[in-house]
All heavy atoms as atom14 arrays in JSON, in Angstrom:
{
  "sequence": "GAAAGLQELVAGGVDVVTSSVVESAALINAGKVKSLAVMGDERLG",
  "atom14_mask": [
    [1, 1, 1, 1, 0, 0, 0, 0, 0, 0, 0, 0, 0, 0],
    [1, 1, 1, 1, 1, 0, 0, 0, 0, 0, 0, 0, 0, 0],
    [1, 1, 1, 1, 1, 0, 0, 0, 0, 0, 0, 0, 0, 0],
    [1, 1, 1, 1, 1, 0, 0, 0, 0, 0, 0, 0, 0, 0],
    [1, 1, 1, 1, 0, 0, 0, 0, 0, 0, 0, 0, 0, 0],
    [1, 1, 1, 1, 1, 1, 1, 1, 0, 0, 0, 0, 0, 0],
    [1, 1, 1, 1, 1, 1, 1, 1, 1, 0, 0, 0, 0, 0],
    [1, 1, 1, 1, 1, 1, 1, 1, 1, 0, 0, 0, 0, 0],
    [1, 1, 1, 1, 1, 1, 1, 1, 0, 0, 0, 0, 0, 0],
    [1, 1, 1, 1, 1, 1, 1, 0, 0, 0, 0, 0, 0, 0],
    [1, 1, 1, 1, 1, 0, 0, 0, 0, 0, 0, 0, 0, 0],
    [1, 1, 1, 1, 0, 0, 0, 0, 0, 0, 0, 0, 0, 0],
    [1, 1, 1, 1, 0, 0, 0, 0, 0, 0, 0, 0, 0, 0],
    [1, 1, 1, 1, 1, 1, 1, 0, 0, 0, 0, 0, 0, 0],
    [1, 1, 1, 1, 1, 1, 1, 1, 0, 0, 0, 0, 0, 0],
    [1, 1, 1, 1, 1, 1, 1, 0, 0, 0, 0, 0, 0, 0],
    [1, 1, 1, 1, 1, 1, 1, 0, 0, 0, 0, 0, 0, 0],
    [1, 1, 1, 1, 1, 1, 1, 0, 0, 0, 0, 0, 0, 0],
    [1, 1, 1, 1, 1, 1, 0, 0, 0, 0, 0, 0, 0, 0],
    [1, 1, 1, 1, 1, 1, 0, 0, 0, 0, 0, 0, 0, 0],
    [1, 1, 1, 1, 1, 1, 1, 0, 0, 0, 0, 0, 0, 0],
    [1, 1, 1, 1, 1, 1, 1, 0, 0, 0, 0, 0, 0, 0],
    [1, 1, 1, 1, 1, 1, 1, 1, 1, 0, 0, 0, 0, 0],
    [1, 1, 1, 1, 1, 1, 0, 0, 0, 0, 0, 0, 0, 0],
    [1, 1, 1, 1, 1, 0, 0, 0, 0, 0, 0, 0, 0, 0],
    [1, 1, 1, 1, 1, 0, 0, 0, 0, 0, 0, 0, 0, 0],
    [1, 1, 1, 1, 1, 1, 1, 1, 0, 0, 0, 0, 0, 0],
    [1, 1, 1, 1, 1, 1, 1, 1, 0, 0, 0, 0, 0, 0],
    [1, 1, 1, 1, 1, 1, 1, 1, 0, 0, 0, 0, 0, 0],
    [1, 1, 1, 1, 1, 0, 0, 0, 0, 0, 0, 0, 0, 0],
    [1, 1, 1, 1, 0, 0, 0, 0, 0, 0, 0, 0, 0, 0],
    [1, 1, 1, 1, 1, 1, 1, 1, 1, 0, 0, 0, 0, 0],
    [1, 1, 1, 1, 1, 1, 1, 0, 0, 0, 0, 0, 0, 0],
    [1, 1, 1, 1, 1, 1, 1, 1, 1, 0, 0, 0, 0, 0],
    [1, 1, 1, 1, 1, 1, 0, 0, 0, 0, 0, 0, 0, 0],
    [1, 1, 1, 1, 1, 1, 1, 1, 0, 0, 0, 0, 0, 0],
    [1, 1, 1, 1, 1, 0, 0, 0, 0, 0, 0, 0, 0, 0],
    [1, 1, 1, 1, 1, 1, 1, 0, 0, 0, 0, 0, 0, 0],
    [1, 1, 1, 1, 1, 1, 1, 1, 0, 0, 0, 0, 0, 0],
    [1, 1, 1, 1, 0, 0, 0, 0, 0, 0, 0, 0, 0, 0],
    [1, 1, 1, 1, 1, 1, 1, 1, 0, 0, 0, 0, 0, 0],
    [1, 1, 1, 1, 1, 1, 1, 1, 1, 0, 0, 0, 0, 0],
    [1, 1, 1, 1, 1, 1, 1, 1, 1, 1, 1, 0, 0, 0],
    [1, 1, 1, 1, 1, 1, 1, 1, 0, 0, 0, 0, 0, 0],
    [1, 1, 1, 1, 0, 0, 0, 0, 0, 0, 0, 0, 0, 0]
  ],
  "atom14_positions": [
    [[0.79, -1.22, 0.01], [-0.01, 0.0, 0.0], [0.84, 1.26, 0.0], [2.06, 1.25, 0.16], [0.0, 0.0, 0.0], [0.0, 0.0, 0.0], [0.0, 0.0, 0.0], [0.0, 0.0, 0.0], [0.0, 0.0, 0.0], [0.0, 0.0, 0.0], [0.0, 0.0, 0.0], [0.0, 0.0, 0.0], [0.0, 0.0, 0.0], [0.0, 0.0, 0.0]],
    [[0.13, 2.39, -0.16], [0.8, 3.69, -0.26], [1.51, 4.08, 1.02], [2.62, 4.66, 0.97], [-0.23, 4.76, -0.64], [0.0, 0.0, 0.0], [0.0, 0.0, 0.0], [0.0, 0.0, 0.0], [0.0, 0.0, 0.0], [0.0, 0.0, 0.0], [0.0, 0.0, 0.0], [0.0, 0.0, 0.0], [0.0, 0.0, 0.0], [0.0, 0.0, 0.0]],
    [[0.93, 3.79, 2.18], [1.53, 4.16, 3.45], [2.93, 3.56, 3.6], [3.89, 4.27, 3.97], [0.66, 3.75, 4.61], [0.0, 0.0, 0.0], [0.0, 0.0, 0.0], [0.0, 0.0, 0.0], [0.0, 0.0, 0.0], [0.0, 0.0, 0.0], [0.0, 0.0, 0.0], [0.0, 0.0, 0.0], [0.0, 0.0, 0.0], [0.0, 0.0, 0.0]],
    [[3.05, 2.28, 3.27], [4.34, 1.61, 3.37], [5.33, 2.18, 2.36], [6.52, 2.38, 2.64], [4.17, 0.1, 3.16], [0.0, 0.0, 0.0], [0.0, 0.0, 0.0], [0.0, 0.0, 0.0], [0.0, 0.0, 0.0], [0.0, 0.0, 0.0], [0.0, 0.0, 0.0], [0.0, 0.0, 0.0], [0.0, 0.0, 0.0], [0.0, 0.0, 0.0]],
    [[4.84, 2.46, 1.17], [5.7, 3.03, 0.15], [6.2, 4.42, 0.53], [7.37, 4.77, 0.3], [0.0, 0.0, 0.0], [0.0, 0.0, 0.0], [0.0, 0.0, 0.0], [0.0, 0.0, 0.0], [0.0, 0.0, 0.0], [0.0, 0.0, 0.0], [0.0, 0.0, 0.0], [0.0, 0.0, 0.0], [0.0, 0.0, 0.0], [0.0, 0.0, 0.0]],
    [[5.34, 5.2, 1.13], [5.73, 6.55, 1.57], [6.76, 6.51, 2.69], [7.67, 7.35, 2.74], [4.49, 7.33, 2.0], [3.57, 7.8, 0.84], [2.21, 8.16, 1.36], [4.22, 8.99, 0.1], [0.0, 0.0, 0.0], [0.0, 0.0, 0.0], [0.0, 0.0, 0.0], [0.0, 0.0, 0.0], [0.0, 0.0, 0.0], [0.0, 0.0, 0.0]],
    [[6.62, 5.56, 3.58], [7.61, 5.42, 4.64], [8.97, 5.05, 4.07], [10.03, 5.53, 4.5], [7.16, 4.37, 5.66], [6.0, 4.79, 6.51], [6.28, 6.03, 7.35], [7.41, 6.23, 7.83], [5.27, 6.88, 7.53], [0.0, 0.0, 0.0], [0.0, 0.0, 0.0], [0.0, 0.0, 0.0], [0.0, 0.0, 0.0], [0.0, 0.0, 0.0]],
    [[8.95, 4.22, 3.04], [10.19, 3.84, 2.36], [10.78, 5.04, 1.63], [12.0, 5.2, 1.56], [9.9, 2.71, 1.36], [11.14, 2.04, 0.77], [11.97, 1.27, 1.78], [11.48, 1.0, 2.9], [13.1, 0.89, 1.42], [0.0, 0.0, 0.0], [0.0, 0.0, 0.0], [0.0, 0.0, 0.0], [0.0, 0.0, 0.0], [0.0, 0.0, 0.0]],
    [[9.91, 5.9, 1.09], [10.37, 7.11, 0.43], [11.08, 8.02, 1.41], [12.2, 8.51, 1.15], [9.16, 7.84, -0.17], [9.43, 9.22, -0.79], [10.28, 9.08, -2.04], [8.1, 9.94, -1.13], [0.0, 0.0, 0.0], [0.0, 0.0, 0.0], [0.0, 0.0, 0.0], [0.0, 0.0, 0.0], [0.0, 0.0, 0.0], [0.0, 0.0, 0.0]],
    [[10.44, 8.24, 2.57], [11.05, 9.11, 3.61], [12.37, 8.55, 4.08], [13.34, 9.28, 4.35], [10.07, 9.3, 4.77], [10.74, 10.01, 5.93], [8.85, 10.05, 4.32], [0.0, 0.0, 0.0], [0.0, 0.0, 0.0], [0.0, 0.0, 0.0], [0.0, 0.0, 0.0], [0.0, 0.0, 0.0], [0.0, 0.0, 0.0], [0.0, 0.0, 0.0]],
    [[12.46, 7.21, 4.17], [13.67, 6.56, 4.65], [14.78, 6.53, 3.59], [15.92, 6.18, 3.91], [13.35, 5.13, 5.09], [0.0, 0.0, 0.0], [0.0, 0.0, 0.0], [0.0, 0.0, 0.0], [0.0, 0.0, 0.0], [0.0, 0.0, 0.0], [0.0, 0.0, 0.0], [0.0, 0.0, 0.0], [0.0, 0.0, 0.0], [0.0, 0.0, 0.0]],
    [[14.44, 6.86, 2.37], [15.46, 6.92, 1.32], [15.58, 5.63, 0.52], [16.48, 5.51, -0.34], [0.0, 0.0, 0.0], [0.0, 0.0, 0.0], [0.0, 0.0, 0.0], [0.0, 0.0, 0.0], [0.0, 0.0, 0.0], [0.0, 0.0, 0.0], [0.0, 0.0, 0.0], [0.0, 0.0, 0.0], [0.0, 0.0, 0.0], [0.0, 0.0, 0.0]],
    [[14.67, 4.69, 0.75], [14.75, 3.41, 0.02], [14.27, 3.51, -1.41], [14.66, 2.69, -2.26], [0.0, 0.0, 0.0], [0.0, 0.0, 0.0], [0.0, 0.0, 0.0], [0.0, 0.0, 0.0], [0.0, 0.0, 0.0], [0.0, 0.0, 0.0], [0.0, 0.0, 0.0], [0.0, 0.0, 0.0], [0.0, 0.0, 0.0], [0.0, 0.0, 0.0]],
    [[13.37, 4.46, -1.69], [12.9, 4.69, -3.04], [12.93, 6.18, -3.32], [13.09, 6.99, -2.39], [11.46, 4.15, -3.28], [11.43, 2.62, -3.12], [10.46, 4.82, -2.34], [0.0, 0.0, 0.0], [0.0, 0.0, 0.0], [0.0, 0.0, 0.0], [0.0, 0.0, 0.0], [0.0, 0.0, 0.0], [0.0, 0.0, 0.0], [0.0, 0.0, 0.0]],
    [[12.76, 6.58, -4.57], [12.91, 7.97, -4.95], [11.58, 8.67, -5.26], [11.51, 9.9, -5.25], [13.82, 8.08, -6.17], [15.15, 7.41, -5.92], [15.99, 8.0, -5.2], [15.34, 6.27, -6.41], [0.0, 0.0, 0.0], [0.0, 0.0, 0.0], [0.0, 0.0, 0.0], [0.0, 0.0, 0.0], [0.0, 0.0, 0.0], [0.0, 0.0, 0.0]],
    [[10.55, 7.91, -5.57], [9.26, 8.5, -5.92], [8.17, 7.52, -5.51], [8.35, 6.31, -5.54], [9.19, 8.79, -7.43], [9.31, 7.51, -8.24], [7.92, 9.56, -7.78], [0.0, 0.0, 0.0], [0.0, 0.0, 0.0], [0.0, 0.0, 0.0], [0.0, 0.0, 0.0], [0.0, 0.0, 0.0], [0.0, 0.0, 0.0], [0.0, 0.0, 0.0]],
    [[7.03, 8.08, -5.11], [5.85, 7.26, -4.81], [4.69, 7.84, -5.6], [4.42, 9.06, -5.56], [5.51, 7.27, -3.31], [4.08, 6.8, -3.05], [6.5, 6.39, -2.54], [0.0, 0.0, 0.0], [0.0, 0.0, 0.0], [0.0, 0.0, 0.0], [0.0, 0.0, 0.0], [0.0, 0.0, 0.0], [0.0, 0.0, 0.0], [0.0, 0.0, 0.0]],
    [[4.0, 6.99, -6.32], [2.77, 7.41, -7.0], [1.6, 6.85, -6.18], [1.51, 5.64, -5.92], [2.7, 6.89, -8.44], [3.23, 5.57, -8.53], [3.47, 7.79, -9.37], [0.0, 0.0, 0.0], [0.0, 0.0, 0.0], [0.0, 0.0, 0.0], [0.0, 0.0, 0.0], [0.0, 0.0, 0.0], [0.0, 0.0, 0.0], [0.0, 0.0, 0.0]],
    [[0.77, 7.74, -5.71], [-0.42, 7.39, -4.91], [-1.33, 8.62, -4.93], [-0.94, 9.66, -5.5], [-0.02, 7.08, -3.46], [0.45, 8.25, -2.81], [0.0, 0.0, 0.0], [0.0, 0.0, 0.0], [0.0, 0.0, 0.0], [0.0, 0.0, 0.0], [0.0, 0.0, 0.0], [0.0, 0.0, 0.0], [0.0, 0.0, 0.0], [0.0, 0.0, 0.0]],
    [[-2.48, 8.52, -4.35], [-3.32, 9.71, -4.28], [-2.61, 10.73, -3.37], [-1.91, 10.32, -2.42], [-4.7, 9.38, -3.72], [-4.63, 8.97, -2.38], [0.0, 0.0, 0.0], [0.0, 0.0, 0.0], [0.0, 0.0, 0.0], [0.0, 0.0, 0.0], [0.0, 0.0, 0.0], [0.0, 0.0, 0.0], [0.0, 0.0, 0.0], [0.0, 0.0, 0.0]],
    [[-2.79, 12.0, -3.68], [-2.14, 13.03, -2.85], [-2.67, 12.96, -1.41], [-1.95, 13.22, -0.45], [-2.37, 14.42, -3.48], [-1.69, 15.48, -2.63], [-1.85, 14.47, -4.9], [0.0, 0.0, 0.0], [0.0, 0.0, 0.0], [0.0, 0.0, 0.0], [0.0, 0.0, 0.0], [0.0, 0.0, 0.0], [0.0, 0.0, 0.0], [0.0, 0.0, 0.0]],
    [[-3.95, 12.61, -1.29], [-4.57, 12.51, 0.05], [-3.8, 11.52, 0.92], [-3.63, 11.76, 2.11], [-6.03, 12.09, -0.09], [-6.66, 11.79, 1.25], [-6.83, 13.21, -0.76], [0.0, 0.0, 0.0], [0.0, 0.0, 0.0], [0.0, 0.0, 0.0], [0.0, 0.0, 0.0], [0.0, 0.0, 0.0], [0.0, 0.0, 0.0], [0.0, 0.0, 0.0]],
    [[-3.37, 10.4, 0.35], [-2.67, 9.4, 1.13], [-1.34, 9.91, 1.66], [-0.81, 9.38, 2.65], [-2.42, 8.14, 0.26], [-3.7, 7.38, 0.0], [-3.5, 6.22, -0.99], [-3.05, 6.47, -2.13], [-3.77, 5.08, -0.61], [0.0, 0.0, 0.0], [0.0, 0.0, 0.0], [0.0, 0.0, 0.0], [0.0, 0.0, 0.0], [0.0, 0.0, 0.0]],
    [[-0.78, 10.93, 1.04], [0.5, 11.47, 1.5], [0.32, 12.79, 2.23], [1.32, 13.43, 2.6], [1.43, 11.7, 0.27], [0.83, 12.54, -0.66], [0.0, 0.0, 0.0], [0.0, 0.0, 0.0], [0.0, 0.0, 0.0], [0.0, 0.0, 0.0], [0.0, 0.0, 0.0], [0.0, 0.0, 0.0], [0.0, 0.0, 0.0], [0.0, 0.0, 0.0]],
    [[-0.94, 13.19, 2.48], [-1.2, 14.5, 3.08], [-0.5, 14.7, 4.43], [0.05, 15.78, 4.7], [-2.72, 14.68, 3.25], [0.0, 0.0, 0.0], [0.0, 0.0, 0.0], [0.0, 0.0, 0.0], [0.0, 0.0, 0.0], [0.0, 0.0, 0.0], [0.0, 0.0, 0.0], [0.0, 0.0, 0.0], [0.0, 0.0, 0.0], [0.0, 0.0, 0.0]],
    [[-0.52, 13.67, 5.27], [0.1, 13.81, 6.62], [1.59, 14.1, 6.49], [2.12, 14.97, 7.21], [-0.14, 12.56, 7.43], [0.0, 0.0, 0.0], [0.0, 0.0, 0.0], [0.0, 0.0, 0.0], [0.0, 0.0, 0.0], [0.0, 0.0, 0.0], [0.0, 0.0, 0.0], [0.0, 0.0, 0.0], [0.0, 0.0, 0.0], [0.0, 0.0, 0.0]],
    [[2.26, 13.43, 5.58], [3.71, 13.61, 5.4], [4.01, 14.94, 4.69], [5.04, 15.57, 4.94], [4.32, 12.45, 4.64], [4.36, 11.13, 5.41], [4.8, 9.98, 4.51], [5.29, 11.24, 6.61], [0.0, 0.0, 0.0], [0.0, 0.0, 0.0], [0.0, 0.0, 0.0], [0.0, 0.0, 0.0], [0.0, 0.0, 0.0], [0.0, 0.0, 0.0]],
    [[3.08, 15.36, 3.83], [3.24, 16.66, 3.17], [3.13, 17.76, 4.22], [3.95, 18.68, 4.29], [2.19, 16.86, 2.07], [2.45, 15.92, 0.89], [2.17, 18.32, 1.59], [1.39, 15.97, -0.18], [0.0, 0.0, 0.0], [0.0, 0.0, 0.0], [0.0, 0.0, 0.0], [0.0, 0.0, 0.0], [0.0, 0.0, 0.0], [0.0, 0.0, 0.0]],
    [[2.13, 17.65, 5.08], [1.9, 18.65, 6.13], [3.05, 18.64, 7.16], [3.34, 19.67, 7.79], [0.57, 18.38, 6.83], [-0.61, 18.63, 5.93], [-0.54, 19.41, 4.98], [-1.73, 17.98, 6.21], [0.0, 0.0, 0.0], [0.0, 0.0, 0.0], [0.0, 0.0, 0.0], [0.0, 0.0, 0.0], [0.0, 0.0, 0.0], [0.0, 0.0, 0.0]],
    [[3.7, 17.49, 7.32], [4.81, 17.38, 8.27], [6.13, 17.86, 7.66], [7.16, 17.87, 8.33], [4.97, 15.93, 8.73], [0.0, 0.0, 0.0], [0.0, 0.0, 0.0], [0.0, 0.0, 0.0], [0.0, 0.0, 0.0], [0.0, 0.0, 0.0], [0.0, 0.0, 0.0], [0.0, 0.0, 0.0], [0.0, 0.0, 0.0], [0.0, 0.0, 0.0]],
    [[6.09, 18.25, 6.37], [7.28, 18.76, 5.72], [8.27, 17.7, 5.31], [9.45, 17.99, 5.07], [0.0, 0.0, 0.0], [0.0, 0.0, 0.0], [0.0, 0.0, 0.0], [0.0, 0.0, 0.0], [0.0, 0.0, 0.0], [0.0, 0.0, 0.0], [0.0, 0.0, 0.0], [0.0, 0.0, 0.0], [0.0, 0.0, 0.0], [0.0, 0.0, 0.0]],
    [[7.81, 16.45, 5.19], [8.72, 15.36, 4.8], [8.59, 14.96, 3.33], [9.48, 14.31, 2.78], [8.48, 14.15, 5.7], [8.79, 14.39, 7.17], [8.57, 13.15, 8.01], [8.94, 13.37, 9.46], [8.76, 12.16, 10.29], [0.0, 0.0, 0.0], [0.0, 0.0, 0.0], [0.0, 0.0, 0.0], [0.0, 0.0, 0.0], [0.0, 0.0, 0.0]],
    [[7.46, 15.28, 2.74], [7.17, 14.89, 1.36], [6.58, 16.07, 0.62], [5.91, 16.93, 1.22], [6.18, 13.69, 1.35], [5.64, 13.45, -0.05], [6.87, 12.44, 1.89], [0.0, 0.0, 0.0], [0.0, 0.0, 0.0], [0.0, 0.0, 0.0], [0.0, 0.0, 0.0], [0.0, 0.0, 0.0], [0.0, 0.0, 0.0], [0.0, 0.0, 0.0]],
    [[6.81, 16.13, -0.67], [6.16, 17.13, -1.52], [5.58, 16.44, -2.76], [6.09, 15.41, -3.19], [7.13, 18.25, -1.94], [8.35, 17.78, -2.72], [9.3, 18.94, -2.99], [10.55, 18.48, -3.72], [11.51, 19.59, -3.94], [0.0, 0.0, 0.0], [0.0, 0.0, 0.0], [0.0, 0.0, 0.0], [0.0, 0.0, 0.0], [0.0, 0.0, 0.0]],
    [[4.51, 16.99, -3.26], [3.84, 16.42, -4.42], [4.13, 17.3, -5.63], [3.94, 18.52, -5.59], [2.33, 16.34, -4.18], [1.72, 15.62, -5.24], [0.0, 0.0, 0.0], [0.0, 0.0, 0.0], [0.0, 0.0, 0.0], [0.0, 0.0, 0.0], [0.0, 0.0, 0.0], [0.0, 0.0, 0.0], [0.0, 0.0, 0.0], [0.0, 0.0, 0.0]],
    [[4.58, 16.68, -6.72], [4.99, 17.42, -7.9], [3.87, 17.64, -8.9], [3.87, 18.63, -9.64], [6.16, 16.69, -8.62], [7.41, 16.45, -7.76], [8.45, 15.75, -8.64], [7.95, 17.74, -7.19], [0.0, 0.0, 0.0], [0.0, 0.0, 0.0], [0.0, 0.0, 0.0], [0.0, 0.0, 0.0], [0.0, 0.0, 0.0], [0.0, 0.0, 0.0]],
    [[2.92, 16.74, -8.95], [1.82, 16.84, -9.92], [0.77, 15.8, -9.6], [1.01, 14.83, -8.89], [2.33, 16.65, -11.36], [0.0, 0.0, 0.0], [0.0, 0.0, 0.0], [0.0, 0.0, 0.0], [0.0, 0.0, 0.0], [0.0, 0.0, 0.0], [0.0, 0.0, 0.0], [0.0, 0.0, 0.0], [0.0, 0.0, 0.0], [0.0, 0.0, 0.0]],
    [[-0.43, 16.01, -10.18], [-1.51, 15.07, -10.02], [-1.99, 14.65, -11.4], [-2.12, 15.47, -12.31], [-2.67, 15.68, -9.18], [-3.22, 16.94, -9.85], [-3.76, 14.68, -8.95], [0.0, 0.0, 0.0], [0.0, 0.0, 0.0], [0.0, 0.0, 0.0], [0.0, 0.0, 0.0], [0.0, 0.0, 0.0], [0.0, 0.0, 0.0], [0.0, 0.0, 0.0]],
    [[-2.24, 13.36, -11.59], [-2.6, 12.81, -12.9], [-4.09, 12.85, -13.15], [-4.74, 11.83, -13.35], [-2.08, 11.38, -13.03], [-0.59, 11.23, -12.86], [-0.06, 9.5, -13.0], [1.58, 9.57, -12.24], [0.0, 0.0, 0.0], [0.0, 0.0, 0.0], [0.0, 0.0, 0.0], [0.0, 0.0, 0.0], [0.0, 0.0, 0.0], [0.0, 0.0, 0.0]],
    [[-4.67, 14.05, -13.09], [-6.09, 14.21, -13.27], [-6.41, 15.38, -14.17], [-5.51, 16.07, -14.68], [0.0, 0.0, 0.0], [0.0, 0.0, 0.0], [0.0, 0.0, 0.0], [0.0, 0.0, 0.0], [0.0, 0.0, 0.0], [0.0, 0.0, 0.0], [0.0, 0.0, 0.0], [0.0, 0.0, 0.0], [0.0, 0.0, 0.0], [0.0, 0.0, 0.0]],
    [[-7.7, 15.64, -14.36], [-8.14, 16.74, -15.24], [-7.96, 18.09, -14.6], [-7.84, 19.1, -15.32], [-9.62, 16.55, -15.61], [-9.82, 15.36, -16.53], [-9.04, 15.2, -17.46], [-10.79, 14.59, -16.31], [0.0, 0.0, 0.0], [0.0, 0.0, 0.0], [0.0, 0.0, 0.0], [0.0, 0.0, 0.0], [0.0, 0.0, 0.0], [0.0, 0.0, 0.0]],
    [[-7.98, 18.13, -13.27], [-7.9, 19.45, -12.6], [-7.19, 19.31, -11.28], [-7.01, 18.2, -10.74], [-9.29, 20.03, -12.41], [-10.24, 19.1, -11.66], [-11.67, 19.61, -11.66], [-12.09, 20.2, -12.65], [-12.35, 19.38, -10.62], [0.0, 0.0, 0.0], [0.0, 0.0, 0.0], [0.0, 0.0, 0.0], [0.0, 0.0, 0.0], [0.0, 0.0, 0.0]],
    [[-6.79, 20.43, -10.74], [-6.11, 20.44, -9.43], [-7.09, 20.04, -8.35], [-8.29, 20.2, -8.49], [-5.53, 21.83, -9.15], [-4.46, 22.28, -10.13], [-3.78, 23.56, -9.69], [-2.79, 24.0, -10.65], [-1.81, 24.86, -10.39], [-1.71, 25.37, -9.15], [-0.95, 25.2, -11.31], [0.0, 0.0, 0.0], [0.0, 0.0, 0.0], [0.0, 0.0, 0.0]],
    [[-6.54, 19.57, -7.24], [-7.36, 19.15, -6.11], [-7.64, 20.36, -5.22], [-6.74, 21.17, -4.95], [-6.64, 18.07, -5.31], [-6.26, 16.81, -6.09], [-5.44, 15.88, -5.2], [-7.46, 16.12, -6.64], [0.0, 0.0, 0.0], [0.0, 0.0, 0.0], [0.0, 0.0, 0.0], [0.0, 0.0, 0.0], [0.0, 0.0, 0.0], [0.0, 0.0, 0.0]],
    [[-8.89, 20.45, -4.75], [-9.29, 21.58, -3.92], [-8.44, 21.76, -2.69], [-8.09, 22.89, -2.32], [0.0, 0.0, 0.0], [0.0, 0.0, 0.0], [0.0, 0.0, 0.0], [0.0, 0.0, 0.0], [0.0, 0.0, 0.0], [0.0, 0.0, 0.0], [0.0, 0.0, 0.0], [0.0, 0.0, 0.0], [0.0, 0.0, 0.0], [0.0, 0.0, 0.0]]
  ]
}
């Protein structure tokens, strides 16, 4: 799942995680992760 992948991202085991931005919201808000783009028709509210 995305949670495990994101933890691996923060730990340096991988370089990118593709998941919904919502799944990474906690780490984005904590300043550990940033989102570069979303694969949809429009930006997320």
